[in-house]
PDB file of N, CA and C in Angstrom:
ATOM      1  N   MET A   1      19.734 -20.159  44.740  1.00  0.00           N
ATOM      2  CA  MET A   1      20.313 -21.067  43.777  1.00  0.00           C
ATOM      3  C   MET A   1      19.547 -22.392  43.847  1.00  0.00           C
ATOM      4  N   ALA A   2      19.158 -22.910  42.709  1.00  0.00           N
ATOM      5  CA  ALA A   2      18.395 -24.155  42.641  1.00  0.00           C
ATOM      6  C   ALA A   2      19.336 -25.345  42.720  1.00  0.00           C
ATOM      7  N   ALA A   3      18.857 -26.402  43.367  1.00  0.00           N
ATOM      8  CA  ALA A   3      19.652 -27.623  43.466  1.00  0.00           C
ATOM      9  C   ALA A   3      19.634 -28.349  42.124  1.00  0.00           C
ATOM     10  N   SER A   4      20.734 -28.914  41.786  1.00  0.00           N
ATOM     11  CA  SER A   4      20.837 -29.669  40.535  1.00  0.00           C
ATOM     12  C   SER A   4      20.732 -31.151  40.841  1.00  0.00           C
ATOM     13  N   PHE A   5      19.962 -31.861  40.039  1.00  0.00           N
ATOM     14  CA  PHE A   5      19.802 -33.295  40.198  1.00  0.00           C
ATOM     15  C   PHE A   5      20.707 -34.023  39.216  1.00  0.00           C
ATOM     16  N   PHE A   6      21.048 -35.257  39.526  1.00  0.00           N
ATOM     17  CA  PHE A   6      21.891 -36.006  38.614  1.00  0.00           C
ATOM     18  C   PHE A   6      21.177 -36.288  37.301  1.00  0.00           C
ATOM     19  N   PHE A   7      19.840 -36.172  37.284  1.00  0.00           N
ATOM     20  CA  PHE A   7      19.088 -36.335  36.048  1.00  0.00           C
ATOM     21  C   PHE A   7      19.403 -35.209  35.067  1.00  0.00           C
ATOM     22  N   ASP A   8      19.756 -34.038  35.601  1.00  0.00           N
ATOM     23  CA  ASP A   8      19.977 -32.868  34.765  1.00  0.00           C
ATOM     24  C   ASP A   8      21.290 -32.927  34.010  1.00  0.00           C
ATOM     25  N   ALA A   9      22.209 -33.723  34.467  1.00  0.00           N
ATOM     26  CA  ALA A   9      23.533 -33.760  33.847  1.00  0.00           C
ATOM     27  C   ALA A   9      23.473 -34.538  32.537  1.00  0.00           C
ATOM     28  N   GLU A  10      23.797 -33.861  31.436  1.00  0.00           N
ATOM     29  CA  GLU A  10      23.872 -34.500  30.132  1.00  0.00           C
ATOM     30  C   GLU A  10      25.268 -34.306  29.594  1.00  0.00           C
ATOM     31  N   PRO A  11      25.835 -35.352  29.025  1.00  0.00           N
ATOM     32  CA  PRO A  11      27.161 -35.192  28.434  1.00  0.00           C
ATOM     33  C   PRO A  11      27.128 -34.143  27.327  1.00  0.00           C
ATOM     34  N   ILE A  12      28.158 -33.347  27.227  1.00  0.00           N
ATOM     35  CA  ILE A  12      28.250 -32.339  26.188  1.00  0.00           C
ATOM     36  C   ILE A  12      28.314 -33.030  24.834  1.00  0.00           C
ATOM     37  N   CYS A  13      27.578 -32.529  23.881  1.00  0.00           N
ATOM     38  CA  CYS A  13      27.513 -33.047  22.505  1.00  0.00           C
ATOM     39  C   CYS A  13      26.776 -34.375  22.407  1.00  0.00           C
ATOM     40  N   GLU A  14      26.178 -34.868  23.460  1.00  0.00           N
ATOM     41  CA  GLU A  14      25.412 -36.107  23.412  1.00  0.00           C
ATOM     42  C   GLU A  14      24.110 -35.946  24.201  1.00  0.00           C
ATOM     43  N   PRO A  15      23.225 -35.037  23.781  1.00  0.00           N
ATOM     44  CA  PRO A  15      22.020 -34.782  24.553  1.00  0.00           C
ATOM     45  C   PRO A  15      21.023 -35.934  24.564  1.00  0.00           C
ATOM     46  N   SER A  16      21.157 -36.900  23.653  1.00  0.00           N
ATOM     47  CA  SER A  16      20.196 -37.996  23.599  1.00  0.00           C
ATOM     48  C   SER A  16      20.495 -39.104  24.602  1.00  0.00           C
ATOM     49  N   LEU A  17      21.675 -39.111  25.197  1.00  0.00           N
ATOM     50  CA  LEU A  17      22.021 -40.147  26.163  1.00  0.00           C
ATOM     51  C   LEU A  17      21.432 -39.807  27.527  1.00  0.00           C
ATOM     52  N   ALA A  18      20.588 -40.675  28.036  1.00  0.00           N
ATOM     53  CA  ALA A  18      19.994 -40.467  29.351  1.00  0.00           C
ATOM     54  C   ALA A  18      20.365 -41.642  30.230  1.00  0.00           C
ATOM     55  N   ALA A  19      21.065 -41.394  31.297  1.00  0.00           N
ATOM     56  CA  ALA A  19      21.599 -42.469  32.123  1.00  0.00           C
ATOM     57  C   ALA A  19      20.546 -43.160  32.976  1.00  0.00           C
ATOM     58  N   LEU A  20      19.665 -42.418  33.591  1.00  0.00           N
ATOM     59  CA  LEU A  20      18.739 -43.003  34.560  1.00  0.00           C
ATOM     60  C   LEU A  20      17.283 -42.650  34.259  1.00  0.00           C
ATOM     61  N   ASP A  21      16.883 -42.785  33.008  1.00  0.00           N
ATOM     62  CA  ASP A  21      15.519 -42.423  32.632  1.00  0.00           C
ATOM     63  C   ASP A  21      14.504 -43.540  32.825  1.00  0.00           C
ATOM     64  N   ALA A  22      14.944 -44.803  32.766  1.00  0.00           N
ATOM     65  CA  ALA A  22      13.996 -45.905  32.813  1.00  0.00           C
ATOM     66  C   ALA A  22      14.577 -47.104  33.560  1.00  0.00           C
ATOM     67  N   CYS A  23      13.672 -47.909  34.084  1.00  0.00           N
ATOM     68  CA  CYS A  23      14.053 -49.144  34.769  1.00  0.00           C
ATOM     69  C   CYS A  23      14.725 -50.077  33.762  1.00  0.00           C
ATOM     70  N   ALA A  24      15.820 -50.671  34.142  1.00  0.00           N
ATOM     71  CA  ALA A  24      16.564 -51.560  33.251  1.00  0.00           C
ATOM     72  C   ALA A  24      15.822 -52.866  32.974  1.00  0.00           C
ATOM     73  N   LEU A  25      14.846 -53.218  33.806  1.00  0.00           N
ATOM     74  CA  LEU A  25      14.124 -54.472  33.611  1.00  0.00           C
ATOM     75  C   LEU A  25      12.778 -54.265  32.924  1.00  0.00           C
ATOM     76  N   CYS A  26      11.947 -53.395  33.477  1.00  0.00           N
ATOM     77  CA  CYS A  26      10.592 -53.236  32.950  1.00  0.00           C
ATOM     78  C   CYS A  26      10.422 -51.991  32.083  1.00  0.00           C
ATOM     79  N   ALA A  27      11.439 -51.159  32.006  1.00  0.00           N
ATOM     80  CA  ALA A  27      11.452 -49.946  31.184  1.00  0.00           C
ATOM     81  C   ALA A  27      10.488 -48.863  31.669  1.00  0.00           C
ATOM     82  N   LYS A  28      10.007 -48.982  32.891  1.00  0.00           N
ATOM     83  CA  LYS A  28       9.145 -47.941  33.470  1.00  0.00           C
ATOM     84  C   LYS A  28       9.962 -46.663  33.618  1.00  0.00           C
ATOM     85  N   ARG A  29       9.382 -45.544  33.247  1.00  0.00           N
ATOM     86  CA  ARG A  29      10.071 -44.257  33.363  1.00  0.00           C
ATOM     87  C   ARG A  29      10.356 -43.950  34.827  1.00  0.00           C
ATOM     88  N   LEU A  30      11.552 -43.452  35.082  1.00  0.00           N
ATOM     89  CA  LEU A  30      11.946 -43.064  36.429  1.00  0.00           C
ATOM     90  C   LEU A  30      11.829 -41.549  36.544  1.00  0.00           C
ATOM     91  N   GLY A  31      11.085 -41.096  37.543  1.00  0.00           N
ATOM     92  CA  GLY A  31      10.889 -39.664  37.723  1.00  0.00           C
ATOM     93  C   GLY A  31      11.822 -39.098  38.771  1.00  0.00           C
ATOM     94  N   ARG A  32      11.881 -37.790  38.805  1.00  0.00           N
ATOM     95  CA  ARG A  32      12.730 -37.095  39.774  1.00  0.00           C
ATOM     96  C   ARG A  32      12.282 -37.330  41.213  1.00  0.00           C
ATOM     97  N   ASP A  33      11.003 -37.550  41.393  1.00  0.00           N
ATOM     98  CA  ASP A  33      10.489 -37.695  42.752  1.00  0.00           C
ATOM     99  C   ASP A  33      10.350 -39.157  43.191  1.00  0.00           C
ATOM    100  N   SER A  34      10.831 -40.089  42.378  1.00  0.00           N
ATOM    101  CA  SER A  34      10.709 -41.503  42.746  1.00  0.00           C
ATOM    102  C   SER A  34      12.046 -42.060  43.196  1.00  0.00           C
ATOM    103  N   ASP A  35      11.975 -43.107  44.009  1.00  0.00           N
ATOM    104  CA  ASP A  35      13.194 -43.793  44.438  1.00  0.00           C
ATOM    105  C   ASP A  35      13.769 -44.569  43.258  1.00  0.00           C
ATOM    106  N   ILE A  36      15.078 -44.658  43.242  1.00  0.00           N
ATOM    107  CA  ILE A  36      15.759 -45.437  42.217  1.00  0.00           C
ATOM    108  C   ILE A  36      16.614 -46.462  42.942  1.00  0.00           C
ATOM    109  N   PHE A  37      16.465 -47.716  42.555  1.00  0.00           N
ATOM    110  CA  PHE A  37      17.188 -48.809  43.182  1.00  0.00           C
ATOM    111  C   PHE A  37      18.297 -49.240  42.226  1.00  0.00           C
ATOM    112  N   MET A  38      19.527 -49.128  42.678  1.00  0.00           N
ATOM    113  CA  MET A  38      20.681 -49.392  41.826  1.00  0.00           C
ATOM    114  C   MET A  38      21.205 -50.811  42.037  1.00  0.00           C
ATOM    115  N   TYR A  39      21.787 -51.358  40.972  1.00  0.00           N
ATOM    116  CA  TYR A  39      22.390 -52.687  41.011  1.00  0.00           C
ATOM    117  C   TYR A  39      23.607 -52.675  40.105  1.00  0.00           C
ATOM    118  N   ARG A  40      24.671 -53.290  40.556  1.00  0.00           N
ATOM    119  CA  ARG A  40      25.927 -53.360  39.810  1.00  0.00           C
ATOM    120  C   ARG A  40      26.444 -51.978  39.445  1.00  0.00           C
ATOM    121  N   GLY A  41      26.299 -51.068  40.351  1.00  0.00           N
ATOM    122  CA  GLY A  41      26.901 -49.755  40.198  1.00  0.00           C
ATOM    123  C   GLY A  41      26.105 -48.753  39.416  1.00  0.00           C
ATOM    124  N   ASP A  42      25.710 -49.069  38.187  1.00  0.00           N
ATOM    125  CA  ASP A  42      25.094 -48.046  37.356  1.00  0.00           C
ATOM    126  C   ASP A  42      23.810 -48.485  36.668  1.00  0.00           C
ATOM    127  N   THR A  43      23.192 -49.546  37.134  1.00  0.00           N
ATOM    128  CA  THR A  43      21.966 -50.033  36.522  1.00  0.00           C
ATOM    129  C   THR A  43      20.767 -49.667  37.392  1.00  0.00           C
ATOM    130  N   PRO A  44      19.860 -48.814  36.882  1.00  0.00           N
ATOM    131  CA  PRO A  44      18.726 -48.348  37.684  1.00  0.00           C
ATOM    132  C   PRO A  44      17.493 -49.251  37.568  1.00  0.00           C
ATOM    133  N   PHE A  45      16.768 -49.360  38.662  1.00  0.00           N
ATOM    134  CA  PHE A  45      15.514 -50.108  38.692  1.00  0.00           C
ATOM    135  C   PHE A  45      14.460 -49.285  39.406  1.00  0.00           C
ATOM    136  N   CYS A  46      13.203 -49.487  39.032  1.00  0.00           N
ATOM    137  CA  CYS A  46      12.108 -48.697  39.597  1.00  0.00           C
ATOM    138  C   CYS A  46      11.680 -49.196  40.974  1.00  0.00           C
ATOM    139  N   SER A  47      11.995 -50.447  41.288  1.00  0.00           N
ATOM    140  CA  SER A  47      11.548 -51.013  42.566  1.00  0.00           C
ATOM    141  C   SER A  47      12.530 -52.073  43.043  1.00  0.00           C
ATOM    142  N   GLU A  48      12.391 -52.421  44.303  1.00  0.00           N
ATOM    143  CA  GLU A  48      13.216 -53.505  44.846  1.00  0.00           C
ATOM    144  C   GLU A  48      12.893 -54.822  44.145  1.00  0.00           C
ATOM    145  N   GLU A  49      11.631 -54.992  43.743  1.00  0.00           N
ATOM    146  CA  GLU A  49      11.213 -56.216  43.078  1.00  0.00           C
ATOM    147  C   GLU A  49      11.908 -56.377  41.730  1.00  0.00           C
ATOM    148  N   CYS A  50      11.954 -55.301  40.937  1.00  0.00           N
ATOM    149  CA  CYS A  50      12.637 -55.373  39.638  1.00  0.00           C
ATOM    150  C   CYS A  50      14.130 -55.642  39.834  1.00  0.00           C
ATOM    151  N   ARG A  51      14.725 -54.966  40.791  1.00  0.00           N
ATOM    152  CA  ARG A  51      16.149 -55.184  41.055  1.00  0.00           C
ATOM    153  C   ARG A  51      16.400 -56.630  41.483  1.00  0.00           C
ATOM    154  N   TYR A  52      15.552 -57.165  42.377  1.00  0.00           N
ATOM    155  CA  TYR A  52      15.703 -58.539  42.850  1.00  0.00           C
ATOM    156  C   TYR A  52      15.535 -59.538  41.696  1.00  0.00           C
ATOM    157  N   GLU A  53      14.553 -59.282  40.825  1.00  0.00           N
ATOM    158  CA  GLU A  53      14.339 -60.171  39.684  1.00  0.00           C
ATOM    159  C   GLU A  53      15.575 -60.193  38.778  1.00  0.00           C
ATOM    160  N   GLN A  54      16.179 -59.023  38.552  1.00  0.00           N
ATOM    161  CA  GLN A  54      17.396 -58.973  37.741  1.00  0.00           C
ATOM    162  C   GLN A  54      18.531 -59.722  38.429  1.00  0.00           C
ATOM    163  N   MET A  55      18.626 -59.598  39.737  1.00  0.00           N
ATOM    164  CA  MET A  55      19.666 -60.309  40.476  1.00  0.00           C
ATOM    165  C   MET A  55      19.478 -61.817  40.343  1.00  0.00           C
ATOM    166  N   GLN A  56      18.232 -62.272  40.382  1.00  0.00           N
ATOM    167  CA  GLN A  56      17.947 -63.699  40.228  1.00  0.00           C
ATOM    168  C   GLN A  56      18.295 -64.171  38.817  1.00  0.00           C
ATOM    169  N   LEU A  57      17.944 -63.380  37.804  1.00  0.00           N
ATOM    170  CA  LEU A  57      18.286 -63.728  36.427  1.00  0.00           C
ATOM    171  C   LEU A  57      19.802 -63.816  36.244  1.00  0.00           C
ATOM    172  N   ASP A  58      20.529 -62.880  36.835  1.00  0.00           N
ATOM    173  CA  ASP A  58      21.991 -62.903  36.751  1.00  0.00           C
ATOM    174  C   ASP A  58      22.571 -64.140  37.434  1.00  0.00           C
ATOM    175  N   ALA A  59      21.985 -64.527  38.557  1.00  0.00           N
ATOM    176  CA  ALA A  59      22.460 -65.712  39.274  1.00  0.00           C
ATOM    177  C   ALA A  59      22.221 -66.978  38.446  1.00  0.00           C
ATOM    178  N   ILE A  60      21.072 -67.063  37.795  1.00  0.00           N
ATOM    179  CA  ILE A  60      20.765 -68.215  36.934  1.00  0.00           C
ATOM    180  C   ILE A  60      21.749 -68.280  35.783  1.00  0.00           C
ATOM    181  N   ARG A  61      21.993 -67.133  35.147  1.00  0.00           N
ATOM    182  CA  ARG A  61      22.949 -67.099  34.024  1.00  0.00           C
ATOM    183  C   ARG A  61      24.354 -67.493  34.476  1.00  0.00           C
ATOM    184  N   ALA A  62      24.746 -67.061  35.654  1.00  0.00           N
ATOM    185  CA  ALA A  62      26.077 -67.400  36.169  1.00  0.00           C
ATOM    186  C   ALA A  62      26.185 -68.901  36.427  1.00  0.00           C
ATOM    187  N   ARG A  63      25.135 -69.504  36.997  1.00  0.00           N
ATOM    188  CA  ARG A  63      25.153 -70.954  37.224  1.00  0.00           C
ATOM    189  C   ARG A  63      25.208 -71.715  35.906  1.00  0.00           C
ATOM    190  N   GLN A  64      24.437 -71.259  34.907  1.00  0.00           N
ATOM    191  CA  GLN A  64      24.449 -71.921  33.605  1.00  0.00           C
ATOM    192  C   GLN A  64      25.828 -71.804  32.957  1.00  0.00           C
ATOM    193  N   ALA A  65      26.441 -70.654  33.064  1.00  0.00           N
ATOM    194  CA  ALA A  65      27.774 -70.461  32.488  1.00  0.00           C
ATOM    195  C   ALA A  65      28.799 -71.353  33.186  1.00  0.00           C
ATOM    196  N   ALA A  66      28.684 -71.494  34.496  1.00  0.00           N
ATOM    197  CA  ALA A  66      29.613 -72.343  35.245  1.00  0.00           C
ATOM    198  C   ALA A  66      29.439 -73.812  34.848  1.00  0.00           C
ATOM    199  N   ARG A  67      28.187 -74.251  34.697  1.00  0.00           N
ATOM    200  CA  ARG A  67      27.945 -75.639  34.272  1.00  0.00           C
ATOM    201  C   ARG A  67      28.488 -75.872  32.871  1.00  0.00           C
ATOM    202  N   SER A  68      28.265 -74.908  31.995  1.00  0.00           N
ATOM    203  CA  SER A  68      28.749 -75.027  30.625  1.00  0.00           C
ATOM    204  C   SER A  68      30.269 -75.085  30.594  1.00  0.00           C
ATOM    205  N   ALA A  69      30.917 -74.257  31.382  1.00  0.00           N
ATOM    206  CA  ALA A  69      32.383 -74.263  31.453  1.00  0.00           C
ATOM    207  C   ALA A  69      32.880 -75.591  32.011  1.00  0.00           C
ATOM    208  N   GLY A  70      32.180 -76.137  32.992  1.00  0.00           N
ATOM    209  CA  GLY A  70      32.546 -77.428  33.561  1.00  0.00           C
ATOM    210  C   GLY A  70      32.428 -78.549  32.538  1.00  0.00           C
ATOM    211  N   ARG A  71      31.355 -78.515  31.731  1.00  0.00           N
ATOM    212  CA  ARG A  71      31.183 -79.519  30.689  1.00  0.00           C
ATOM    213  C   ARG A  71      32.274 -79.416  29.640  1.00  0.00           C
ATOM    214  N   ARG A  72      32.625 -78.178  29.252  1.00  0.00           N
ATOM    215  CA  ARG A  72      33.693 -77.996  28.261  1.00  0.00           C
ATOM    216  C   ARG A  72      35.013 -78.520  28.802  1.00  0.00           C
ATOM    217  N   GLN A  73      35.288 -78.261  30.072  1.00  0.00           N
ATOM    218  CA  GLN A  73      36.530 -78.741  30.683  1.00  0.00           C
ATOM    219  C   GLN A  73      36.545 -80.262  30.720  1.00  0.00           C
ATOM    220  N   GLN A  74      35.396 -80.865  31.058  1.00  0.00           N
ATOM    221  CA  GLN A  74      35.309 -82.317  31.111  1.00  0.00           C
ATOM    222  C   GLN A  74      35.506 -82.919  29.714  1.00  0.00           C
ATOM    223  N   GLN A  75      34.901 -82.303  28.686  1.00  0.00           N
ATOM    224  CA  GLN A  75      35.075 -82.787  27.320  1.00  0.00           C
ATOM    225  C   GLN A  75      36.533 -82.654  26.891  1.00  0.00           C
ATOM    226  N   TYR A  76      37.144 -81.534  27.221  1.00  0.00           N
ATOM    227  CA  TYR A  76      38.550 -81.318  26.868  1.00  0.00           C
ATOM    228  C   TYR A  76      39.431 -82.372  27.526  1.00  0.00           C
ATOM    229  N   SER A  77      39.167 -82.657  28.798  1.00  0.00           N
ATOM    230  CA  SER A  77      39.948 -83.670  29.514  1.00  0.00           C
ATOM    231  C   SER A  77      39.781 -85.045  28.876  1.00  0.00           C
ATOM    232  N   SER A  78      38.570 -85.385  28.473  1.00  0.00           N
ATOM    233  CA  SER A  78      38.315 -86.679  27.831  1.00  0.00           C
ATOM    234  C   SER A  78      39.049 -86.784  26.508  1.00  0.00           C
ATOM    235  N   VAL A  79      39.027 -85.711  25.724  1.00  0.00           N
ATOM    236  CA  VAL A  79      39.694 -85.712  24.419  1.00  0.00           C
ATOM    237  C   VAL A  79      41.197 -85.821  24.593  1.00  0.00           C
ATOM    238  N   THR A  80      41.762 -85.077  25.519  1.00  0.00           N
ATOM    239  CA  THR A  80      43.217 -85.128  25.709  1.00  0.00           C
ATOM    240  C   THR A  80      43.653 -86.481  26.249  1.00  0.00           C
ATOM    241  N   GLU A  81      42.856 -87.105  27.092  1.00  0.00           N
ATOM    242  CA  GLU A  81      43.186 -88.440  27.610  1.00  0.00           C
ATOM    243  C   GLU A  81      43.127 -89.467  26.484  1.00  0.00           C
ATOM    244  N   ALA A  82      42.130 -89.366  25.627  1.00  0.00           N
ATOM    245  CA  ALA A  82      42.027 -90.281  24.492  1.00  0.00           C
ATOM    246  C   ALA A  82      43.206 -90.086  23.539  1.00  0.00           C
ATOM    247  N   ALA A  83      43.626 -88.849  23.356  1.00  0.00           N
ATOM    248  CA  ALA A  83      44.776 -88.574  22.476  1.00  0.00           C
ATOM    249  C   ALA A  83      46.047 -89.153  23.075  1.00  0.00           C
ATOM    250  N   ARG A  84      46.200 -89.084  24.397  1.00  0.00           N
ATOM    251  CA  ARG A  84      47.391 -89.663  25.049  1.00  0.00           C
ATOM    252  C   ARG A  84      47.426 -91.173  24.855  1.00  0.00           C
ATOM    253  N   ARG A  85      46.282 -91.813  25.022  1.00  0.00           N
ATOM    254  CA  ARG A  85      46.228 -93.261  24.850  1.00  0.00           C
ATOM    255  C   ARG A  85      46.547 -93.658  23.407  1.00  0.00           C
ATOM    256  N   ALA A  86      46.076 -92.863  22.459  1.00  0.00           N
ATOM    257  CA  ALA A  86      46.294 -93.195  21.043  1.00  0.00           C
ATOM    258  C   ALA A  86      47.747 -93.017  20.651  1.00  0.00           C
ATOM    259  N   THR A  87      48.463 -92.136  21.323  1.00  0.00           N
ATOM    260  CA  THR A  87      49.856 -91.888  20.943  1.00  0.00           C
ATOM    261  C   THR A  87      50.839 -92.820  21.637  1.00  0.00           C
ATOM    262  N   LYS A  88      50.386 -93.588  22.611  1.00  0.00           N
ATOM    263  CA  LYS A  88      51.293 -94.536  23.257  1.00  0.00           C
ATOM    264  C   LYS A  88      51.629 -95.663  22.291  1.00  0.00           C
ATOM    265  N   VAL A  89      52.860 -96.018  22.270  1.00  0.00           N
ATOM    266  CA  VAL A  89      53.320 -97.078  21.368  1.00  0.00           C
ATOM    267  C   VAL A  89      53.494 -98.335  22.204  1.00  0.00           C
ATOM    268  N   SER A  90      52.859 -99.392  21.761  1.00  0.00           N
ATOM    269  CA  SER A  90      53.035-100.644  22.481  1.00  0.00           C
ATOM    270  C   SER A  90      54.257-101.376  21.919  1.00  0.00           C
ATOM    271  N   VAL A  91      55.002-101.961  22.797  1.00  0.00           N
ATOM    272  CA  VAL A  91      56.210-102.689  22.417  1.00  0.00           C
ATOM    273  C   VAL A  91      55.886-104.165  22.411  1.00  0.00           C
ATOM    274  N   ALA A  92      56.099-104.774  21.253  1.00  0.00           N
ATOM    275  CA  ALA A  92      55.836-106.212  21.141  1.00  0.00           C
ATOM    276  C   ALA A  92      57.103-106.981  21.512  1.00  0.00           C
ATOM    277  N   SER A  93      56.932-108.092  22.234  1.00  0.00           N
ATOM    278  CA  SER A  93      58.100-108.869  22.619  1.00  0.00           C
ATOM    279  C   SER A  93      58.361-109.975  21.646  1.00  0.00           C
TER     280      SER A  93
END
């Protein structure tokens, strides 16, 4: 009996879907006899270098998103504080 590889498994009625055919970063074809480096569970890479580069790109995007969220929060706080000041009624004596 021949061993079956995970490359051989194709979803029924969807023969065009190939899960691990190419590196997610450089699109290099992944062969049966080559190592596959995984990241985030189901993302294949042809080398440790490609996987590391993707990890670095993800880290940069996460930092940018955090800074952007911080700026939005700061802007929201400024707007709400200005609205509070505008709604205060001064009492004249």
